[in-house]
PDB file of all heavy atoms in Angstrom:
ATOM      1  N   PRO A   1     203.895  94.250  69.480  1.00  0.00           N
ATOM      2  CA  PRO A   1     204.781  95.287  68.950  1.00  0.00           C
ATOM      3  C   PRO A   1     204.129  96.196  67.916  1.00  0.00           C
ATOM      4  O   PRO A   1     203.310  95.766  67.112  1.00  0.00           O
ATOM      5  CB  PRO A   1     205.922  94.476  68.310  1.00  0.00           C
ATOM      6  CG  PRO A   1     205.328  93.139  68.023  1.00  0.00           C
ATOM      7  CD  PRO A   1     204.313  92.895  69.073  1.00  0.00           C
ATOM      8  N   ALA A   2     204.521  97.477  67.974  1.00  0.00           N
ATOM      9  CA  ALA A   2     204.176  98.470  66.950  1.00  0.00           C
ATOM     10  C   ALA A   2     205.490  99.153  66.597  1.00  0.00           C
ATOM     11  O   ALA A   2     206.059  99.882  67.413  1.00  0.00           O
ATOM     12  CB  ALA A   2     203.161  99.471  67.477  1.00  0.00           C
ATOM     13  N   VAL A   3     205.986  98.919  65.398  1.00  0.00           N
ATOM     14  CA  VAL A   3     207.362  99.267  65.047  1.00  0.00           C
ATOM     15  C   VAL A   3     207.378 100.111  63.779  1.00  0.00           C
ATOM     16  O   VAL A   3     206.640  99.833  62.820  1.00  0.00           O
ATOM     17  CB  VAL A   3     208.197  97.983  64.838  1.00  0.00           C
ATOM     18  CG1 VAL A   3     209.623  98.323  64.421  1.00  0.00           C
ATOM     19  CG2 VAL A   3     208.198  97.135  66.105  1.00  0.00           C
ATOM     20  N   GLY A   4     208.229 101.135  63.768  1.00  0.00           N
ATOM     21  CA  GLY A   4     208.429 101.938  62.564  1.00  0.00           C
ATOM     22  C   GLY A   4     207.126 102.538  62.063  1.00  0.00           C
ATOM     23  O   GLY A   4     206.396 103.209  62.797  1.00  0.00           O
ATOM     24  N   ALA A   5     206.833 102.291  60.776  1.00  0.00           N
ATOM     25  CA  ALA A   5     205.586 102.799  60.206  1.00  0.00           C
ATOM     26  C   ALA A   5     204.380 102.248  60.950  1.00  0.00           C
ATOM     27  O   ALA A   5     203.330 102.895  61.009  1.00  0.00           O
ATOM     28  CB  ALA A   5     205.507 102.441  58.726  1.00  0.00           C
ATOM     29  N   GLY A   6     204.523 101.055  61.542  1.00  0.00           N
ATOM     30  CA  GLY A   6     203.432 100.495  62.330  1.00  0.00           C
ATOM     31  C   GLY A   6     203.123 101.335  63.552  1.00  0.00           C
ATOM     32  O   GLY A   6     201.952 101.540  63.904  1.00  0.00           O
ATOM     33  N   TRP A   7     204.165 101.829  64.226  1.00  0.00           N
ATOM     34  CA  TRP A   7     203.914 102.702  65.374  1.00  0.00           C
ATOM     35  C   TRP A   7     203.310 104.020  64.918  1.00  0.00           C
ATOM     36  O   TRP A   7     202.359 104.532  65.521  1.00  0.00           O
ATOM     37  CB  TRP A   7     205.212 102.950  66.152  1.00  0.00           C
ATOM     38  CG  TRP A   7     204.992 103.646  67.466  1.00  0.00           C
ATOM     39  CD1 TRP A   7     203.797 103.938  68.055  1.00  0.00           C
ATOM     40  CD2 TRP A   7     205.993 104.136  68.351  1.00  0.00           C
ATOM     41  NE1 TRP A   7     203.992 104.581  69.264  1.00  0.00           N
ATOM     42  CE2 TRP A   7     205.327 104.721  69.467  1.00  0.00           C
ATOM     43  CE3 TRP A   7     207.384 104.152  68.321  1.00  0.00           C
ATOM     44  CZ2 TRP A   7     206.015 105.296  70.520  1.00  0.00           C
ATOM     45  CZ3 TRP A   7     208.066 104.722  69.378  1.00  0.00           C
ATOM     46  CH2 TRP A   7     207.396 105.293  70.466  1.00  0.00           C
ATOM     47  N   ASN A   8     203.800 104.575  63.817  1.00  0.00           N
ATOM     48  CA  ASN A   8     203.255 105.843  63.339  1.00  0.00           C
ATOM     49  C   ASN A   8     201.817 105.679  62.837  1.00  0.00           C
ATOM     50  O   ASN A   8     201.029 106.632  62.892  1.00  0.00           O
ATOM     51  CB  ASN A   8     204.161 106.429  62.262  1.00  0.00           C
ATOM     52  CG  ASN A   8     205.479 106.887  62.847  1.00  0.00           C
ATOM     53  OD1 ASN A   8     205.572 107.185  64.035  1.00  0.00           O
ATOM     54  ND2 ASN A   8     206.518 106.937  62.028  1.00  0.00           N
ATOM     55  N   LEU A   9     201.478 104.487  62.376  1.00  0.00           N
ATOM     56  CA  LEU A   9     200.092 104.217  62.013  1.00  0.00           C
ATOM     57  C   LEU A   9     199.210 104.301  63.257  1.00  0.00           C
ATOM     58  O   LEU A   9     198.119 104.887  63.217  1.00  0.00           O
ATOM     59  CB  LEU A   9     199.994 102.825  61.382  1.00  0.00           C
ATOM     60  CG  LEU A   9     198.696 102.455  60.666  1.00  0.00           C
ATOM     61  CD1 LEU A   9     198.444 103.373  59.478  1.00  0.00           C
ATOM     62  CD2 LEU A   9     198.771 100.995  60.206  1.00  0.00           C
ATOM     63  N   ALA A  10     199.687 103.759  64.371  1.00  0.00           N
ATOM     64  CA  ALA A  10     198.938 103.856  65.629  1.00  0.00           C
ATOM     65  C   ALA A  10     198.869 105.300  66.107  1.00  0.00           C
ATOM     66  O   ALA A  10     197.810 105.779  66.539  1.00  0.00           O
ATOM     67  CB  ALA A  10     199.581 102.970  66.688  1.00  0.00           C
ATOM     68  N   LEU A  11     199.999 106.023  66.030  1.00  0.00           N
ATOM     69  CA  LEU A  11     200.020 107.418  66.478  1.00  0.00           C
ATOM     70  C   LEU A  11     199.133 108.305  65.615  1.00  0.00           C
ATOM     71  O   LEU A  11     198.683 109.359  66.068  1.00  0.00           O
ATOM     72  CB  LEU A  11     201.454 107.953  66.460  1.00  0.00           C
ATOM     73  CG  LEU A  11     202.432 107.339  67.458  1.00  0.00           C
ATOM     74  CD1 LEU A  11     203.820 107.941  67.274  1.00  0.00           C
ATOM     75  CD2 LEU A  11     201.952 107.524  68.891  1.00  0.00           C
ATOM     76  N   GLY A  12     198.876 107.893  64.387  1.00  0.00           N
ATOM     77  CA  GLY A  12     197.979 108.648  63.519  1.00  0.00           C
ATOM     78  C   GLY A  12     196.522 108.543  63.921  1.00  0.00           C
ATOM     79  O   GLY A  12     195.688 109.304  63.428  1.00  0.00           O
ATOM     80  N   CYS A  13     196.212 107.592  64.819  1.00  0.00           N
ATOM     81  CA  CYS A  13     194.849 107.477  65.331  1.00  0.00           C
ATOM     82  C   CYS A  13     194.634 108.502  66.447  1.00  0.00           C
ATOM     83  O   CYS A  13     195.588 108.979  67.062  1.00  0.00           O
ATOM     84  CB  CYS A  13     194.598 106.063  65.853  1.00  0.00           C
ATOM     85  SG  CYS A  13     194.581 104.799  64.552  1.00  0.00           S
ATOM     86  N   ASP A  14     193.391 108.801  66.731  1.00  0.00           N
ATOM     87  CA  ASP A  14     193.071 109.819  67.730  1.00  0.00           C
ATOM     88  C   ASP A  14     193.336 109.330  69.148  1.00  0.00           C
ATOM     89  O   ASP A  14     193.716 110.117  70.019  1.00  0.00           O
ATOM     90  CB  ASP A  14     191.607 110.239  67.602  1.00  0.00           C
ATOM     91  CG  ASP A  14     191.290 110.777  66.216  1.00  0.00           C
ATOM     92  OD1 ASP A  14     192.066 111.620  65.717  1.00  0.00           O
ATOM     93  OD2 ASP A  14     190.281 110.349  65.620  1.00  0.00           O
ATOM     94  N   LEU A  15     193.120 108.053  69.393  1.00  0.00           N
ATOM     95  CA  LEU A  15     193.313 107.451  70.709  1.00  0.00           C
ATOM     96  C   LEU A  15     194.063 106.138  70.534  1.00  0.00           C
ATOM     97  O   LEU A  15     193.874 105.448  69.530  1.00  0.00           O
ATOM     98  CB  LEU A  15     191.955 107.188  71.387  1.00  0.00           C
ATOM     99  CG  LEU A  15     191.030 108.397  71.560  1.00  0.00           C
ATOM    100  CD1 LEU A  15     189.629 107.942  71.958  1.00  0.00           C
ATOM    101  CD2 LEU A  15     191.597 109.369  72.580  1.00  0.00           C
ATOM    102  N   VAL A  16     194.919 105.810  71.495  1.00  0.00           N
ATOM    103  CA  VAL A  16     195.705 104.575  71.421  1.00  0.00           C
ATOM    104  C   VAL A  16     195.511 103.785  72.704  1.00  0.00           C
ATOM    105  O   VAL A  16     195.783 104.289  73.801  1.00  0.00           O
ATOM    106  CB  VAL A  16     197.204 104.865  71.218  1.00  0.00           C
ATOM    107  CG1 VAL A  16     197.989 103.550  71.135  1.00  0.00           C
ATOM    108  CG2 VAL A  16     197.434 105.706  69.965  1.00  0.00           C
ATOM    109  N   VAL A  17     195.022 102.558  72.573  1.00  0.00           N
ATOM    110  CA  VAL A  17     194.871 101.644  73.702  1.00  0.00           C
ATOM    111  C   VAL A  17     195.919 100.551  73.542  1.00  0.00           C
ATOM    112  O   VAL A  17     195.976  99.884  72.507  1.00  0.00           O
ATOM    113  CB  VAL A  17     193.465 101.023  73.751  1.00  0.00           C
ATOM    114  CG1 VAL A  17     193.315 100.143  74.994  1.00  0.00           C
ATOM    115  CG2 VAL A  17     192.392 102.097  73.715  1.00  0.00           C
ATOM    116  N   ALA A  18     196.741 100.371  74.563  1.00  0.00           N
ATOM    117  CA  ALA A  18     197.793  99.351  74.532  1.00  0.00           C
ATOM    118  C   ALA A  18     197.584  98.363  75.664  1.00  0.00           C
ATOM    119  O   ALA A  18     196.794  98.600  76.592  1.00  0.00           O
ATOM    120  CB  ALA A  18     199.168 100.007  74.641  1.00  0.00           C
ATOM    121  N   THR A  19     198.303  97.261  75.604  1.00  0.00           N
ATOM    122  CA  THR A  19     198.339  96.296  76.694  1.00  0.00           C
ATOM    123  C   THR A  19     199.740  96.323  77.298  1.00  0.00           C
ATOM    124  O   THR A  19     200.682  96.847  76.686  1.00  0.00           O
ATOM    125  CB  THR A  19     198.025  94.882  76.198  1.00  0.00           C
ATOM    126  OG1 THR A  19     199.071  94.445  75.311  1.00  0.00           O
ATOM    127  CG2 THR A  19     196.685  94.844  75.461  1.00  0.00           C
ATOM    128  N   PRO A  20     199.924  95.766  78.497  1.00  0.00           N
ATOM    129  CA  PRO A  20     201.260  95.758  79.101  1.00  0.00           C
ATOM    130  C   PRO A  20     202.301  95.057  78.241  1.00  0.00           C
ATOM    131  O   PRO A  20     203.502  95.318  78.380  1.00  0.00           O
ATOM    132  CB  PRO A  20     201.043  95.015  80.433  1.00  0.00           C
ATOM    133  CG  PRO A  20     199.602  95.256  80.757  1.00  0.00           C
ATOM    134  CD  PRO A  20     198.891  95.251  79.428  1.00  0.00           C
ATOM    135  N   GLU A  21     201.867  94.177  77.353  1.00  0.00           N
ATOM    136  CA  GLU A  21     202.795  93.456  76.482  1.00  0.00           C
ATOM    137  C   GLU A  21     203.218  94.261  75.256  1.00  0.00           C
ATOM    138  O   GLU A  21     204.128  93.850  74.524  1.00  0.00           O
ATOM    139  CB  GLU A  21     202.153  92.137  76.008  1.00  0.00           C
ATOM    140  CG  GLU A  21     201.841  91.150  77.109  1.00  0.00           C
ATOM    141  CD  GLU A  21     200.599  91.486  77.925  1.00  0.00           C
ATOM    142  OE1 GLU A  21     199.754  92.264  77.416  1.00  0.00           O
ATOM    143  OE2 GLU A  21     200.481  90.991  79.061  1.00  0.00           O
ATOM    144  N   SER A  22     202.597  95.392  75.017  1.00  0.00           N
ATOM    145  CA  SER A  22     202.898  96.196  73.832  1.00  0.00           C
ATOM    146  C   SER A  22     204.292  96.807  73.925  1.00  0.00           C
ATOM    147  O   SER A  22     204.732  97.217  74.999  1.00  0.00           O
ATOM    148  CB  SER A  22     201.872  97.335  73.686  1.00  0.00           C
ATOM    149  OG  SER A  22     200.560  96.829  73.612  1.00  0.00           O
ATOM    150  N   THR A  23     204.974  96.855  72.802  1.00  0.00           N
ATOM    151  CA  THR A  23     206.273  97.530  72.700  1.00  0.00           C
ATOM    152  C   THR A  23     206.259  98.422  71.473  1.00  0.00           C
ATOM    153  O   THR A  23     205.529  98.173  70.509  1.00  0.00           O
ATOM    154  CB  THR A  23     207.433  96.532  72.606  1.00  0.00           C
ATOM    155  OG1 THR A  23     207.217  95.655  71.482  1.00  0.00           O
ATOM    156  CG2 THR A  23     207.564  95.703  73.876  1.00  0.00           C
ATOM    157  N   PHE A  24     207.097  99.463  71.518  1.00  0.00           N
ATOM    158  CA  PHE A  24     207.072 100.486  70.478  1.00  0.00           C
ATOM    159  C   PHE A  24     208.498 100.886  70.107  1.00  0.00           C
ATOM    160  O   PHE A  24     209.356 101.012  70.981  1.00  0.00           O
ATOM    161  CB  PHE A  24     206.321 101.725  70.979  1.00  0.00           C
ATOM    162  CG  PHE A  24     204.935 101.426  71.480  1.00  0.00           C
ATOM    163  CD1 PHE A  24     204.724 101.071  72.810  1.00  0.00           C
ATOM    164  CD2 PHE A  24     203.848 101.501  70.630  1.00  0.00           C
ATOM    165  CE1 PHE A  24     203.449 100.796  73.278  1.00  0.00           C
ATOM    166  CE2 PHE A  24     202.566 101.226  71.099  1.00  0.00           C
ATOM    167  CZ  PHE A  24     202.368 100.868  72.419  1.00  0.00           C
TER     168      PHE A  24
END
């Protein structure tokens, strides 16, 4: 999971690599 500020922390990166288990 990437939730709230955690998701925006990921979105602040230039590239995002996720796995099928990731949730947002």
